Structures are given as C-alpha cells and as structure tokens.
Amino acid sequence: MYRFLFCLICVLTVSGSTVAGQPDGDILAAGSGRVVLFASDFSVKWECPAGNTTEVHRLKNGNILFADNNVVEITEDKKVVFKYSPPKGKEGSFGCQRLDNGNTLIGENYSGIVREIRPDGSTAFELQTRFKTDNQHHRLRWVRKLPNGNYLVCHSGDQLVREYTPKGETVWEYPTPNIAFLAERLPNGNTMISSLDQITEVSPDKKIVWEFKTPDLPELGIRNMTGFQIRRNGNIVIGCYSAYDKDGKGVGMFEITRDKKLVWAYQNGTGEKVDRSMMGVEVQEH
C-alpha cells in the first residue's frame, strides 16, 4: 500500500563514516496536500487532507495545529476546533504558534500583520510589521513570540529576520542569503535560521557560530530547507520545500547531528503519491 515510500535506512557513507538508522519516534509532517503522522518505519499512522501546509505541531492536548494559508486546529478524529482564515482572496498565513495562554500567534503574509488570536476567534493583539518587497507572496513566513514578549519575524522576500517589540520597535535583525523561512531563538540567546540553502546559528552580535549547507551531505541532493525542529538531544530535523528535481532526486525530510552526521532521511521523489514538499516536520518526543 505504501510502496511510494522509500526510507533511506540503508547503510550510507557520510563524511567518511558509515551511518545507518531511522527515527526514534513518530514524525508529524506537513506534506503536499496533507498533514501526516508517520511511524518510525515511515508507515502512515494518521493523515488528514490539507492545503499547501507550511507548519505543523502536536499540541499538549493531543490536537494538531497547522498552517496551510488558514490556521487550523483539529482533533485526532479530524474535528475542527479552531480556524483562522485571512481576508478572502489574500495570500494566507504560513506560520502559527500556540501560546501558553491559549491564544494562537499567526503571521499574516499579505498584510504583514502578526496577530494573537483568542480561542473564540477574536484578536487579542496585532502588530503591523515593516517590509519592502512588492511580492505579495513573500512578506511573512514563520513567526515566534519570544519569552521576553517580543516577536521574531521572518520577512521572506526581504531576506531578513527581525525582532520587534510589541510597539513595533526593531531591537535586532539579521539579513539572510536567501528567503528567510524560520527563525528560532535558542536558550543560549543565539538564533537558528533557515534560508533554503543553509541553516545558520548566529549569536546576538550576529556572528555565525554554526551552519549547515546543502552541499554538506551531497548524496542526499538537498533542496530548499525550510522548517526545522531542534530536538532535546541537540539533533536537528529539517523539512524541505519542492524537495525533488525532475528525476526524483532529493530528500523530503531528514535528521542530522550537530556535527552534521545523517541520522535518517525520508525520500519520496517518485511513485504514485509524492510528498513534494514537507515544510514542517516534528519528531514526537515524550
């Protein structure tokens, strides 16, 4: 049934050493046209149709929150319990974060507005961010509310990550070499940023302290790194947009160690059902 799945769990030679393996838990992924939960052997445990899904999370209550132009929370039996839709006909919301107070942080791409939406759908807070691009598809990607109350915003078309105060003041920003997709503030104060061709960790004074680039694992044919998860053990799980070339070469999602060794990879570039993009990925940790 799932012959379209191909898991790179065979032995590979990576950076001069032999690596083999598979995930140590289920994987929640935002695929092309679906949200899907894979078992560690990449069999499908659960899936739900969706749009062009960019971000996905399992919440503490067991529900699934995802962004696919709309931002939607569903139960495991696929009942919608929360939904936010951008203005009709406008470029949608590509980022979402459930806050500790129960509100949902949403980045509205077309307007460039960051919103906090209450469970009843009303707006608790909004911030008009600043951007230069005329490309309506590339004003905002993922957004995060930080513990200090500020907002970390990826301005994809401007190739810029910016930290705003709630009043809209800029307190930190970092230019990226390509589209800024996701930025996460780390406990040590550094910021991890994905920008398609690389994932970079930068210090508060904007020095690069670590980076991973697509040529670092050339045998995978990595394209367009987007969403990522920093695991408790320090490993990084990475999802890719438009992951495969015309010949089906590429990788949809994979996990690496901090020393850039491959842990596992999911490849599905050919067959009846191709997950061409897996922009949001999350290994389920307990």
Protein backbone atom coordinates (compact mmCIF):
# COMPACT_ATOMS: atom_id res chain seq x y z
CA MET A 1 0.00 0.00 0.00
CA TYR A 2 2.78 2.35 0.83
CA ARG A 3 5.16 1.33 -1.90
CA PHE A 4 5.64 5.00 -2.74
CA LEU A 5 7.57 5.41 0.48
CA PHE A 6 11.29 4.96 0.38
CA CYS A 7 13.26 5.31 3.57
CA LEU A 8 16.96 5.90 3.49
CA ILE A 9 17.74 3.46 6.26
CA CYS A 10 20.22 1.51 4.25
CA VAL A 11 23.89 1.96 5.02
CA LEU A 12 25.34 5.19 3.65
CA THR A 13 28.80 6.63 3.62
CA VAL A 14 28.60 10.11 5.07
CA SER A 15 31.68 12.27 5.62
CA GLY A 16 33.90 9.23 5.68
CA SER A 17 31.94 7.22 8.22
CA THR A 18 29.18 4.63 7.98
CA VAL A 19 25.75 5.76 9.12
CA ALA A 20 22.50 3.80 9.27
CA GLY A 21 19.31 4.36 11.18
CA GLN A 22 15.76 5.56 11.39
CA PRO A 23 13.75 7.96 13.59
CA ASP A 24 13.39 7.10 17.26
CA GLY A 25 9.77 8.22 17.33
CA ASP A 26 6.75 9.10 15.25
CA ILE A 27 7.12 12.02 12.83
CA LEU A 28 4.46 14.64 12.26
CA ALA A 29 4.92 16.27 8.87
CA ALA A 30 3.28 18.88 6.69
CA GLY A 31 3.26 17.26 3.28
CA SER A 32 1.91 18.34 -0.07
CA GLY A 33 -1.84 18.38 0.39
CA ARG A 34 -1.87 16.59 3.72
CA VAL A 35 -0.81 16.54 7.33
CA VAL A 36 0.61 13.12 8.08
CA LEU A 37 1.88 11.18 11.09
CA PHE A 38 4.49 8.57 10.20
CA ALA A 39 5.63 5.72 12.41
CA SER A 40 9.39 5.29 12.75
CA ASP A 41 9.34 2.86 9.80
CA PHE A 42 7.57 5.54 7.70
CA SER A 43 4.28 3.69 7.53
CA VAL A 44 1.35 6.10 7.79
CA LYS A 45 -0.39 6.08 11.19
CA TRP A 46 -2.71 9.03 10.54
CA GLU A 47 -3.28 11.66 7.89
CA CYS A 48 -5.64 14.47 7.07
CA PRO A 49 -6.14 16.36 3.80
CA ALA A 50 -4.89 19.94 3.88
CA GLY A 51 -3.73 22.68 1.56
CA ASN A 52 -0.14 23.73 0.93
CA THR A 53 0.85 23.08 4.52
CA THR A 54 3.81 25.05 5.82
CA GLU A 55 3.87 24.46 9.59
CA VAL A 56 2.51 21.75 11.87
CA HIS A 57 2.59 20.97 15.61
CA ARG A 58 1.06 18.47 18.00
CA LEU A 59 -0.31 20.44 20.93
CA LYS A 60 -0.24 19.48 24.60
CA ASN A 61 -3.91 18.46 24.37
CA GLY A 62 -3.08 15.99 21.58
CA ASN A 63 -4.67 18.08 18.83
CA ILE A 64 -2.85 19.10 15.65
CA LEU A 65 -2.25 22.75 14.76
CA PHE A 66 -1.19 23.57 11.22
CA ALA A 67 -0.95 26.45 8.75
CA ASP A 68 -1.99 25.94 5.13
CA ASN A 69 -2.99 29.54 4.28
CA ASN A 70 -5.59 29.09 7.02
CA VAL A 71 -4.52 28.20 10.54
CA VAL A 72 -6.43 25.17 11.79
CA GLU A 73 -6.55 23.05 14.96
CA ILE A 74 -8.07 19.60 14.59
CA THR A 75 -8.61 16.65 16.88
CA GLU A 76 -7.29 13.19 16.03
CA ASP A 77 -10.74 12.36 14.63
CA LYS A 78 -10.35 15.41 12.34
CA LYS A 79 -12.87 17.65 14.03
CA VAL A 80 -12.01 21.33 13.55
CA VAL A 81 -11.92 23.11 16.91
CA PHE A 82 -10.17 26.32 15.83
CA LYS A 83 -9.76 28.03 12.48
CA TYR A 84 -8.41 31.39 11.40
CA SER A 85 -8.73 32.48 7.78
CA PRO A 86 -7.05 35.54 6.27
CA PRO A 87 -9.13 38.05 4.28
CA LYS A 88 -10.74 36.36 1.29
CA GLY A 89 -8.57 36.28 -1.80
CA LYS A 90 -5.42 37.34 0.03
CA GLU A 91 -2.15 35.46 0.43
CA GLY A 92 -2.55 33.41 3.55
CA SER A 93 -1.00 32.59 6.88
CA PHE A 94 2.14 30.47 6.68
CA GLY A 95 3.18 30.44 10.35
CA CYS A 96 1.47 29.57 13.63
CA GLN A 97 2.39 29.12 17.28
CA ARG A 98 0.15 28.12 20.19
CA LEU A 99 0.97 30.37 23.13
CA ASP A 100 0.92 29.37 26.79
CA ASN A 101 -2.17 31.49 27.42
CA GLY A 102 -4.13 29.52 24.81
CA ASN A 103 -4.01 32.20 22.13
CA THR A 104 -2.59 31.41 18.70
CA LEU A 105 0.12 33.52 17.12
CA ILE A 106 -0.39 33.96 13.39
CA GLY A 107 1.74 35.59 10.71
CA GLU A 108 -0.49 37.05 8.00
CA ASN A 109 1.60 37.11 4.86
CA TYR A 110 -0.35 39.52 2.61
CA SER A 111 -0.72 42.29 5.18
CA GLY A 112 2.47 41.61 7.11
CA ILE A 113 0.47 41.64 10.33
CA VAL A 114 1.34 39.45 13.30
CA ARG A 115 -1.78 38.60 15.26
CA GLU A 116 -2.60 36.89 18.53
CA ILE A 117 -6.00 35.23 18.14
CA ARG A 118 -8.08 34.10 21.12
CA PRO A 119 -9.75 30.66 21.09
CA ASP A 120 -13.06 32.35 20.23
CA GLY A 121 -11.51 33.90 17.10
CA SER A 122 -11.24 37.46 18.36
CA THR A 123 -8.00 39.41 18.12
CA ALA A 124 -6.08 39.93 21.34
CA PHE A 125 -3.12 41.74 19.77
CA GLU A 126 -1.86 42.78 16.37
CA LEU A 127 1.38 44.25 15.12
CA GLN A 128 1.91 45.72 11.68
CA THR A 129 5.41 44.73 10.65
CA ARG A 130 7.52 46.55 8.07
CA PHE A 131 8.63 45.15 4.73
CA LYS A 132 9.97 46.46 1.42
CA THR A 133 9.05 43.73 -1.05
CA ASP A 134 6.24 44.21 -3.55
CA ASN A 135 5.88 40.45 -3.86
CA GLN A 136 2.63 39.67 -2.02
CA HIS A 137 3.66 36.03 -1.65
CA HIS A 138 6.81 36.86 0.30
CA ARG A 139 6.11 39.23 3.17
CA LEU A 140 5.98 36.86 6.14
CA ARG A 141 6.83 33.24 6.78
CA TRP A 142 7.12 31.78 10.29
CA VAL A 143 6.73 33.98 13.36
CA ARG A 144 7.51 33.38 17.02
CA LYS A 145 6.65 35.11 20.26
CA LEU A 146 9.72 35.15 22.49
CA PRO A 147 9.85 34.73 26.28
CA ASN A 148 10.70 38.44 26.58
CA GLY A 149 7.40 39.32 24.88
CA ASN A 150 8.97 40.36 21.58
CA TYR A 151 8.17 38.87 18.18
CA LEU A 152 10.68 37.16 15.90
CA VAL A 153 9.53 37.50 12.30
CA CYS A 154 10.85 36.08 9.03
CA HIS A 155 10.42 38.56 6.18
CA SER A 156 10.99 36.10 3.37
CA GLY A 157 11.07 38.48 0.41
CA ASP A 158 13.27 41.00 2.18
CA GLN A 159 15.60 38.14 3.18
CA LEU A 160 15.58 39.40 6.73
CA VAL A 161 14.84 38.17 10.25
CA ARG A 162 13.69 40.94 12.55
CA GLU A 163 12.82 41.06 16.26
CA TYR A 164 10.08 43.54 17.10
CA THR A 165 8.89 44.83 20.44
CA PRO A 166 5.09 44.84 20.92
CA LYS A 167 5.23 48.54 20.00
CA GLY A 168 6.84 47.71 16.66
CA GLU A 169 10.37 48.83 17.51
CA THR A 170 13.23 46.86 15.93
CA VAL A 171 15.66 45.55 18.53
CA TRP A 172 17.56 43.00 16.41
CA GLU A 173 17.70 41.96 12.78
CA TYR A 174 19.76 39.67 10.61
CA PRO A 175 19.99 39.54 6.78
CA THR A 176 19.80 36.09 5.21
CA PRO A 177 21.44 34.94 1.97
CA ASN A 178 18.14 33.65 0.60
CA ILE A 179 14.46 33.56 1.62
CA ALA A 180 14.10 33.79 5.40
CA PHE A 181 11.75 30.96 6.37
CA LEU A 182 12.09 30.09 10.07
CA ALA A 183 13.95 31.65 12.98
CA GLU A 184 14.06 30.15 16.47
CA ARG A 185 15.62 31.86 19.49
CA LEU A 186 17.71 29.33 21.42
CA PRO A 187 18.08 29.14 25.22
CA ASN A 188 21.69 30.40 24.89
CA GLY A 189 20.46 33.60 23.22
CA ASN A 190 21.56 32.62 19.73
CA THR A 191 19.12 32.44 16.81
CA MET A 192 18.79 29.49 14.41
CA ILE A 193 17.62 30.50 10.93
CA SER A 194 16.68 28.55 7.80
CA SER A 195 17.12 30.21 4.42
CA LEU A 196 16.68 27.40 1.86
CA ASP A 197 20.34 26.69 1.07
CA GLN A 198 21.52 26.73 4.66
CA ILE A 199 20.60 26.67 8.33
CA THR A 200 22.63 29.09 10.39
CA GLU A 201 23.06 29.71 14.10
CA VAL A 202 24.05 33.30 14.85
CA SER A 203 24.96 34.99 18.10
CA PRO A 204 23.24 38.14 19.41
CA ASP A 205 26.11 40.16 17.90
CA LYS A 206 25.42 38.44 14.53
CA LYS A 207 28.43 36.17 14.37
CA ILE A 208 27.94 32.75 12.75
CA VAL A 209 28.64 30.06 15.33
CA TRP A 210 27.32 27.05 13.36
CA GLU A 211 25.86 26.37 9.94
CA PHE A 212 24.73 23.50 7.77
CA LYS A 213 24.62 23.90 3.98
CA THR A 214 23.06 21.71 1.31
CA PRO A 215 26.47 20.52 -0.03
CA ASP A 216 27.38 19.15 3.42
CA LEU A 217 25.51 15.92 2.56
CA PRO A 218 25.83 15.90 -1.24
CA GLU A 219 24.50 12.37 -1.71
CA LEU A 220 21.04 13.48 -0.48
CA GLY A 221 20.52 16.14 -3.14
CA ILE A 222 19.06 18.52 -0.53
CA ARG A 223 16.88 21.35 -1.86
CA ASN A 224 15.18 24.27 -0.12
CA MET A 225 15.46 23.70 3.63
CA THR A 226 12.50 25.35 5.37
CA GLY A 227 11.04 24.23 8.69
CA PHE A 228 13.19 22.59 11.33
CA GLN A 229 12.96 21.19 14.84
CA ILE A 230 15.75 21.37 17.38
CA ARG A 231 15.48 18.20 19.41
CA ARG A 232 16.27 17.80 23.10
CA ASN A 233 19.42 15.84 22.24
CA GLY A 234 20.62 18.70 20.03
CA ASN A 235 19.87 16.99 16.73
CA ILE A 236 18.06 18.98 14.06
CA VAL A 237 15.14 17.65 11.99
CA ILE A 238 14.74 19.50 8.70
CA GLY A 239 11.94 19.69 6.14
CA CYS A 240 12.29 20.73 2.51
CA TYR A 241 10.17 22.63 0.02
CA SER A 242 9.96 21.46 -3.62
CA ALA A 243 12.23 18.71 -2.43
CA TYR A 244 12.87 16.74 -5.63
CA ASP A 245 14.28 17.55 -9.05
CA LYS A 246 12.68 16.36 -12.31
CA ASP A 247 14.39 12.99 -11.92
CA GLY A 248 13.08 12.47 -8.39
CA LYS A 249 16.42 13.12 -6.69
CA GLY A 250 16.24 14.88 -3.36
CA VAL A 251 15.05 14.40 0.20
CA GLY A 252 11.78 15.39 1.85
CA MET A 253 12.97 15.48 5.45
CA PHE A 254 15.95 14.30 7.45
CA GLU A 255 17.69 14.48 10.80
CA ILE A 256 21.31 15.43 11.46
CA THR A 257 23.54 15.68 14.49
CA ARG A 258 25.28 18.91 15.43
CA ASP A 259 28.43 17.56 13.80
CA LYS A 260 26.44 17.21 10.54
CA LYS A 261 26.12 13.43 10.52
CA LEU A 262 22.98 11.95 9.00
CA VAL A 263 20.67 10.11 11.41
CA TRP A 264 17.85 9.28 8.95
CA ALA A 265 16.21 10.59 5.79
CA TYR A 266 12.82 10.26 4.10
CA GLN A 267 12.84 10.18 0.30
CA ASN A 268 9.71 10.00 -1.82
CA GLY A 269 10.55 11.57 -5.16
CA THR A 270 8.83 9.04 -7.40
CA GLY A 271 5.74 6.83 -7.33
CA GLU A 272 2.00 7.21 -7.09
CA LYS A 273 1.97 9.78 -4.28
CA VAL A 274 4.89 12.16 -3.94
CA ASP A 275 5.24 14.47 -0.94
CA ARG A 276 6.97 17.16 -2.96
CA SER A 277 7.17 19.49 0.00
CA MET A 278 7.47 18.80 3.71
CA MET A 279 7.97 22.29 5.07
CA GLY A 280 7.03 21.46 8.66
CA VAL A 281 8.41 18.41 10.49
CA GLU A 282 8.37 17.35 14.12
CA VAL A 283 9.65 14.15 15.71
CA GLN A 284 7.30 13.34 18.56
CA GLU A 285 9.24 13.42 21.83
CA HIS A 286 7.77 12.26 25.10
